[in-house]
N, C-alpha and C. Protein backbone atom coordinates (compact mmCIF):
# COMPACT_ATOMS: atom_id res chain seq x y z
N MET A 1 0.82 -1.18 0.00
CA MET A 1 0.00 0.00 0.00
C MET A 1 0.87 1.26 0.00
N GLN A 2 1.99 1.20 0.70
CA GLN A 2 2.90 2.34 0.69
C GLN A 2 3.44 2.57 -0.72
N ALA A 3 3.65 1.49 -1.47
CA ALA A 3 4.13 1.60 -2.85
C ALA A 3 3.12 2.32 -3.74
N LYS A 4 1.85 2.29 -3.35
CA LYS A 4 0.80 2.99 -4.09
C LYS A 4 0.65 4.43 -3.64
N GLY A 5 1.55 4.87 -2.74
CA GLY A 5 1.52 6.26 -2.30
C GLY A 5 0.66 6.54 -1.09
N LEU A 6 0.17 5.49 -0.45
CA LEU A 6 -0.68 5.69 0.73
C LEU A 6 0.17 5.87 1.98
N ASP A 7 -0.25 6.77 2.83
CA ASP A 7 0.42 7.01 4.10
C ASP A 7 -0.17 6.06 5.14
N VAL A 8 0.33 4.83 5.17
CA VAL A 8 -0.17 3.82 6.09
C VAL A 8 0.98 3.26 6.91
N GLY A 9 0.63 2.78 8.08
CA GLY A 9 1.63 2.20 8.96
C GLY A 9 1.07 0.99 9.66
N PRO A 10 1.88 0.38 10.53
CA PRO A 10 1.43 -0.79 11.27
C PRO A 10 0.13 -0.51 12.04
N GLY A 11 -0.82 -1.42 11.90
CA GLY A 11 -2.10 -1.30 12.61
C GLY A 11 -3.19 -0.58 11.84
N ASP A 12 -2.83 0.09 10.76
CA ASP A 12 -3.84 0.85 10.01
C ASP A 12 -4.92 -0.03 9.37
N PHE A 13 -4.62 -1.29 9.15
CA PHE A 13 -5.61 -2.21 8.57
C PHE A 13 -6.12 -3.19 9.61
N ALA A 14 -5.94 -2.87 10.88
CA ALA A 14 -6.41 -3.69 12.01
C ALA A 14 -5.74 -5.06 12.05
N GLU A 15 -4.53 -5.15 11.49
CA GLU A 15 -3.82 -6.41 11.55
C GLU A 15 -3.32 -6.67 12.97
N ASN A 16 -3.16 -7.94 13.30
CA ASN A 16 -2.67 -8.30 14.62
C ASN A 16 -1.15 -8.34 14.66
N ILE A 17 -0.53 -8.76 13.57
CA ILE A 17 0.92 -8.84 13.48
C ILE A 17 1.34 -8.25 12.14
N THR A 18 2.32 -7.37 12.15
CA THR A 18 2.87 -6.80 10.94
C THR A 18 4.26 -7.40 10.73
N THR A 19 4.53 -7.85 9.51
CA THR A 19 5.80 -8.52 9.22
C THR A 19 6.55 -7.80 8.11
N GLU A 20 7.82 -8.16 7.99
CA GLU A 20 8.60 -7.72 6.84
C GLU A 20 9.61 -8.82 6.52
N GLY A 21 9.94 -8.92 5.23
CA GLY A 21 10.96 -9.88 4.82
C GLY A 21 10.48 -11.31 4.63
N ILE A 22 9.18 -11.54 4.68
CA ILE A 22 8.65 -12.89 4.47
C ILE A 22 7.41 -12.77 3.60
N GLU A 23 7.35 -13.55 2.53
CA GLU A 23 6.23 -13.50 1.60
C GLU A 23 5.10 -14.41 2.10
N LEU A 24 4.34 -13.92 3.03
CA LEU A 24 3.29 -14.73 3.65
C LEU A 24 2.21 -15.20 2.67
N PRO A 25 1.74 -14.37 1.73
CA PRO A 25 0.63 -14.81 0.87
C PRO A 25 0.97 -16.01 -0.03
N VAL A 26 2.25 -16.34 -0.21
CA VAL A 26 2.59 -17.47 -1.07
C VAL A 26 2.69 -18.78 -0.29
N LEU A 27 2.57 -18.72 1.03
CA LEU A 27 2.66 -19.93 1.84
C LEU A 27 1.38 -20.74 1.70
N PRO A 28 1.50 -22.04 1.47
CA PRO A 28 0.29 -22.85 1.36
C PRO A 28 -0.42 -23.01 2.71
N ILE A 29 -1.71 -23.21 2.65
CA ILE A 29 -2.47 -23.51 3.86
C ILE A 29 -1.87 -24.77 4.47
N GLY A 30 -1.71 -24.76 5.78
CA GLY A 30 -1.10 -25.88 6.49
C GLY A 30 0.36 -25.64 6.83
N THR A 31 0.97 -24.58 6.25
CA THR A 31 2.36 -24.26 6.57
C THR A 31 2.48 -23.90 8.04
N LYS A 32 3.48 -24.45 8.69
CA LYS A 32 3.70 -24.17 10.11
C LYS A 32 4.73 -23.05 10.24
N LEU A 33 4.52 -22.20 11.25
CA LEU A 33 5.39 -21.06 11.51
C LEU A 33 5.83 -21.07 12.97
N ALA A 34 7.06 -20.61 13.20
CA ALA A 34 7.56 -20.37 14.55
C ALA A 34 7.63 -18.86 14.72
N LEU A 35 6.97 -18.34 15.75
CA LEU A 35 6.93 -16.90 16.00
C LEU A 35 7.58 -16.63 17.35
N GLY A 36 8.59 -15.77 17.37
CA GLY A 36 9.28 -15.49 18.62
C GLY A 36 9.98 -16.74 19.12
N HIS A 37 10.00 -16.89 20.45
CA HIS A 37 10.73 -18.00 21.06
C HIS A 37 9.89 -19.26 21.24
N ASP A 38 8.60 -19.11 21.50
CA ASP A 38 7.79 -20.26 21.90
C ASP A 38 6.53 -20.49 21.07
N ILE A 39 6.13 -19.53 20.27
CA ILE A 39 4.82 -19.59 19.62
C ILE A 39 4.90 -20.41 18.34
N GLU A 40 3.89 -21.23 18.13
CA GLU A 40 3.77 -21.99 16.89
C GLU A 40 2.40 -21.72 16.29
N GLY A 41 2.38 -21.57 14.97
CA GLY A 41 1.12 -21.34 14.27
C GLY A 41 1.08 -22.11 12.97
N GLU A 42 -0.10 -22.15 12.39
CA GLU A 42 -0.31 -22.84 11.12
C GLU A 42 -1.19 -21.97 10.23
N VAL A 43 -0.77 -21.77 8.98
CA VAL A 43 -1.56 -20.99 8.04
C VAL A 43 -2.89 -21.69 7.83
N SER A 44 -3.98 -20.98 8.12
CA SER A 44 -5.31 -21.58 8.02
C SER A 44 -6.15 -20.99 6.89
N GLN A 45 -5.79 -19.79 6.43
CA GLN A 45 -6.58 -19.14 5.38
C GLN A 45 -5.73 -18.07 4.73
N ILE A 46 -5.84 -17.96 3.41
CA ILE A 46 -5.23 -16.85 2.70
C ILE A 46 -6.34 -16.18 1.92
N GLY A 47 -6.47 -14.89 2.15
CA GLY A 47 -7.51 -14.13 1.49
C GLY A 47 -8.80 -14.12 2.28
N LYS A 48 -9.52 -13.05 2.10
CA LYS A 48 -10.81 -12.84 2.76
C LYS A 48 -11.61 -11.92 1.86
N VAL A 49 -12.85 -12.25 1.65
CA VAL A 49 -13.69 -11.45 0.77
C VAL A 49 -13.78 -10.02 1.30
N CYS A 50 -13.59 -9.07 0.40
CA CYS A 50 -13.74 -7.66 0.76
C CYS A 50 -15.24 -7.36 0.80
N HIS A 51 -15.67 -6.83 1.89
CA HIS A 51 -17.10 -6.56 2.08
C HIS A 51 -17.49 -5.20 1.51
N ASN A 52 -18.09 -5.20 0.35
CA ASN A 52 -18.65 -3.98 -0.25
C ASN A 52 -17.71 -2.79 -0.27
N ARG A 53 -16.56 -3.00 -0.85
CA ARG A 53 -15.62 -1.89 -1.02
C ARG A 53 -15.27 -1.24 0.32
N CYS A 54 -14.37 -1.86 1.04
CA CYS A 54 -13.97 -1.43 2.37
C CYS A 54 -13.16 -0.13 2.33
N ALA A 55 -12.75 0.32 3.50
CA ALA A 55 -11.96 1.55 3.62
C ALA A 55 -10.63 1.43 2.88
N ILE A 56 -10.04 0.25 2.88
CA ILE A 56 -8.79 0.04 2.14
C ILE A 56 -9.03 0.30 0.66
N TYR A 57 -10.12 -0.22 0.13
CA TYR A 57 -10.45 -0.03 -1.28
C TYR A 57 -10.59 1.46 -1.61
N TYR A 58 -11.28 2.19 -0.76
CA TYR A 58 -11.50 3.61 -1.04
C TYR A 58 -10.21 4.42 -0.93
N GLN A 59 -9.29 3.99 -0.10
CA GLN A 59 -8.01 4.70 0.00
C GLN A 59 -7.07 4.34 -1.14
N ALA A 60 -7.05 3.04 -1.50
CA ALA A 60 -6.04 2.55 -2.44
C ALA A 60 -6.57 2.25 -3.83
N GLY A 61 -7.89 2.15 -3.98
CA GLY A 61 -8.45 1.75 -5.26
C GLY A 61 -8.45 0.24 -5.44
N ASP A 62 -8.02 -0.47 -4.41
CA ASP A 62 -7.97 -1.92 -4.42
C ASP A 62 -7.93 -2.39 -2.98
N CYS A 63 -8.38 -3.59 -2.72
CA CYS A 63 -8.30 -4.15 -1.37
C CYS A 63 -7.33 -5.32 -1.39
N VAL A 64 -6.38 -5.33 -0.47
CA VAL A 64 -5.38 -6.39 -0.41
C VAL A 64 -5.90 -7.67 0.23
N MET A 65 -6.99 -7.59 0.97
CA MET A 65 -7.45 -8.75 1.74
C MET A 65 -7.74 -9.99 0.89
N PRO A 66 -8.40 -9.90 -0.27
CA PRO A 66 -8.66 -11.12 -1.03
C PRO A 66 -7.39 -11.84 -1.50
N LYS A 67 -6.29 -11.10 -1.68
CA LYS A 67 -5.07 -11.69 -2.20
C LYS A 67 -3.98 -11.87 -1.16
N GLU A 68 -3.92 -10.98 -0.18
CA GLU A 68 -2.77 -10.95 0.72
C GLU A 68 -3.10 -11.10 2.20
N GLY A 69 -4.36 -11.07 2.55
CA GLY A 69 -4.71 -11.27 3.96
C GLY A 69 -4.40 -12.70 4.34
N ILE A 70 -3.66 -12.90 5.40
CA ILE A 70 -3.29 -14.25 5.82
C ILE A 70 -3.73 -14.45 7.26
N PHE A 71 -4.22 -15.64 7.52
CA PHE A 71 -4.70 -15.98 8.86
C PHE A 71 -3.97 -17.22 9.34
N ILE A 72 -3.59 -17.22 10.62
CA ILE A 72 -2.97 -18.41 11.18
C ILE A 72 -3.72 -18.86 12.42
N LYS A 73 -3.70 -20.16 12.61
CA LYS A 73 -4.27 -20.77 13.81
C LYS A 73 -3.12 -20.94 14.80
N VAL A 74 -3.30 -20.47 16.03
CA VAL A 74 -2.27 -20.61 17.05
C VAL A 74 -2.27 -22.05 17.56
N LEU A 75 -1.12 -22.72 17.43
CA LEU A 75 -0.98 -24.09 17.91
C LEU A 75 -0.37 -24.13 19.30
N LYS A 76 0.50 -23.17 19.56
CA LYS A 76 1.13 -23.05 20.88
C LYS A 76 1.29 -21.56 21.16
N GLY A 77 0.65 -21.06 22.20
CA GLY A 77 0.65 -19.64 22.51
C GLY A 77 1.90 -19.18 23.23
N GLY A 78 1.99 -17.89 23.40
CA GLY A 78 3.12 -17.28 24.09
C GLY A 78 3.06 -15.79 23.93
N ILE A 79 4.18 -15.15 24.21
CA ILE A 79 4.27 -13.69 24.10
C ILE A 79 5.17 -13.35 22.92
N LEU A 80 4.64 -12.53 22.02
CA LEU A 80 5.39 -12.07 20.86
C LEU A 80 5.71 -10.60 21.07
N LYS A 81 6.99 -10.24 20.87
CA LYS A 81 7.42 -8.87 21.07
C LYS A 81 7.92 -8.28 19.75
N GLU A 82 7.87 -6.96 19.67
CA GLU A 82 8.40 -6.28 18.50
C GLU A 82 9.84 -6.71 18.28
N GLY A 83 10.16 -7.04 17.04
CA GLY A 83 11.50 -7.46 16.70
C GLY A 83 11.72 -8.96 16.73
N ASP A 84 10.76 -9.72 17.29
CA ASP A 84 10.88 -11.18 17.29
C ASP A 84 10.83 -11.70 15.85
N THR A 85 11.44 -12.86 15.64
CA THR A 85 11.49 -13.44 14.31
C THR A 85 10.30 -14.35 14.05
N ILE A 86 10.01 -14.51 12.76
CA ILE A 86 9.01 -15.47 12.30
C ILE A 86 9.72 -16.35 11.29
N LYS A 87 9.65 -17.66 11.52
CA LYS A 87 10.32 -18.61 10.63
C LYS A 87 9.32 -19.62 10.09
N VAL A 88 9.49 -19.96 8.83
CA VAL A 88 8.70 -21.04 8.23
C VAL A 88 9.35 -22.35 8.64
N LEU A 89 8.54 -23.25 9.18
CA LEU A 89 9.07 -24.55 9.63
C LEU A 89 9.00 -25.59 8.52
């Protein structure tokens, strides 16, 4: 979205975790992830239907959720801190 000239930052799309350096939308459903020191997750869904032209659509002219929204199921909980790593297992 920043590449499209939008002034957006972490949390502007109500995301729970913001990442960089990992291409999350290309991970297949079922991919396991290690987050921080103790957390484990599994990709459960990629994409989500945009409901009637959401705020993202009106700002950007497109909504990223159908193509890039990623959801994971927490398999093992813990505390995630800013700067912690996320690894594909």
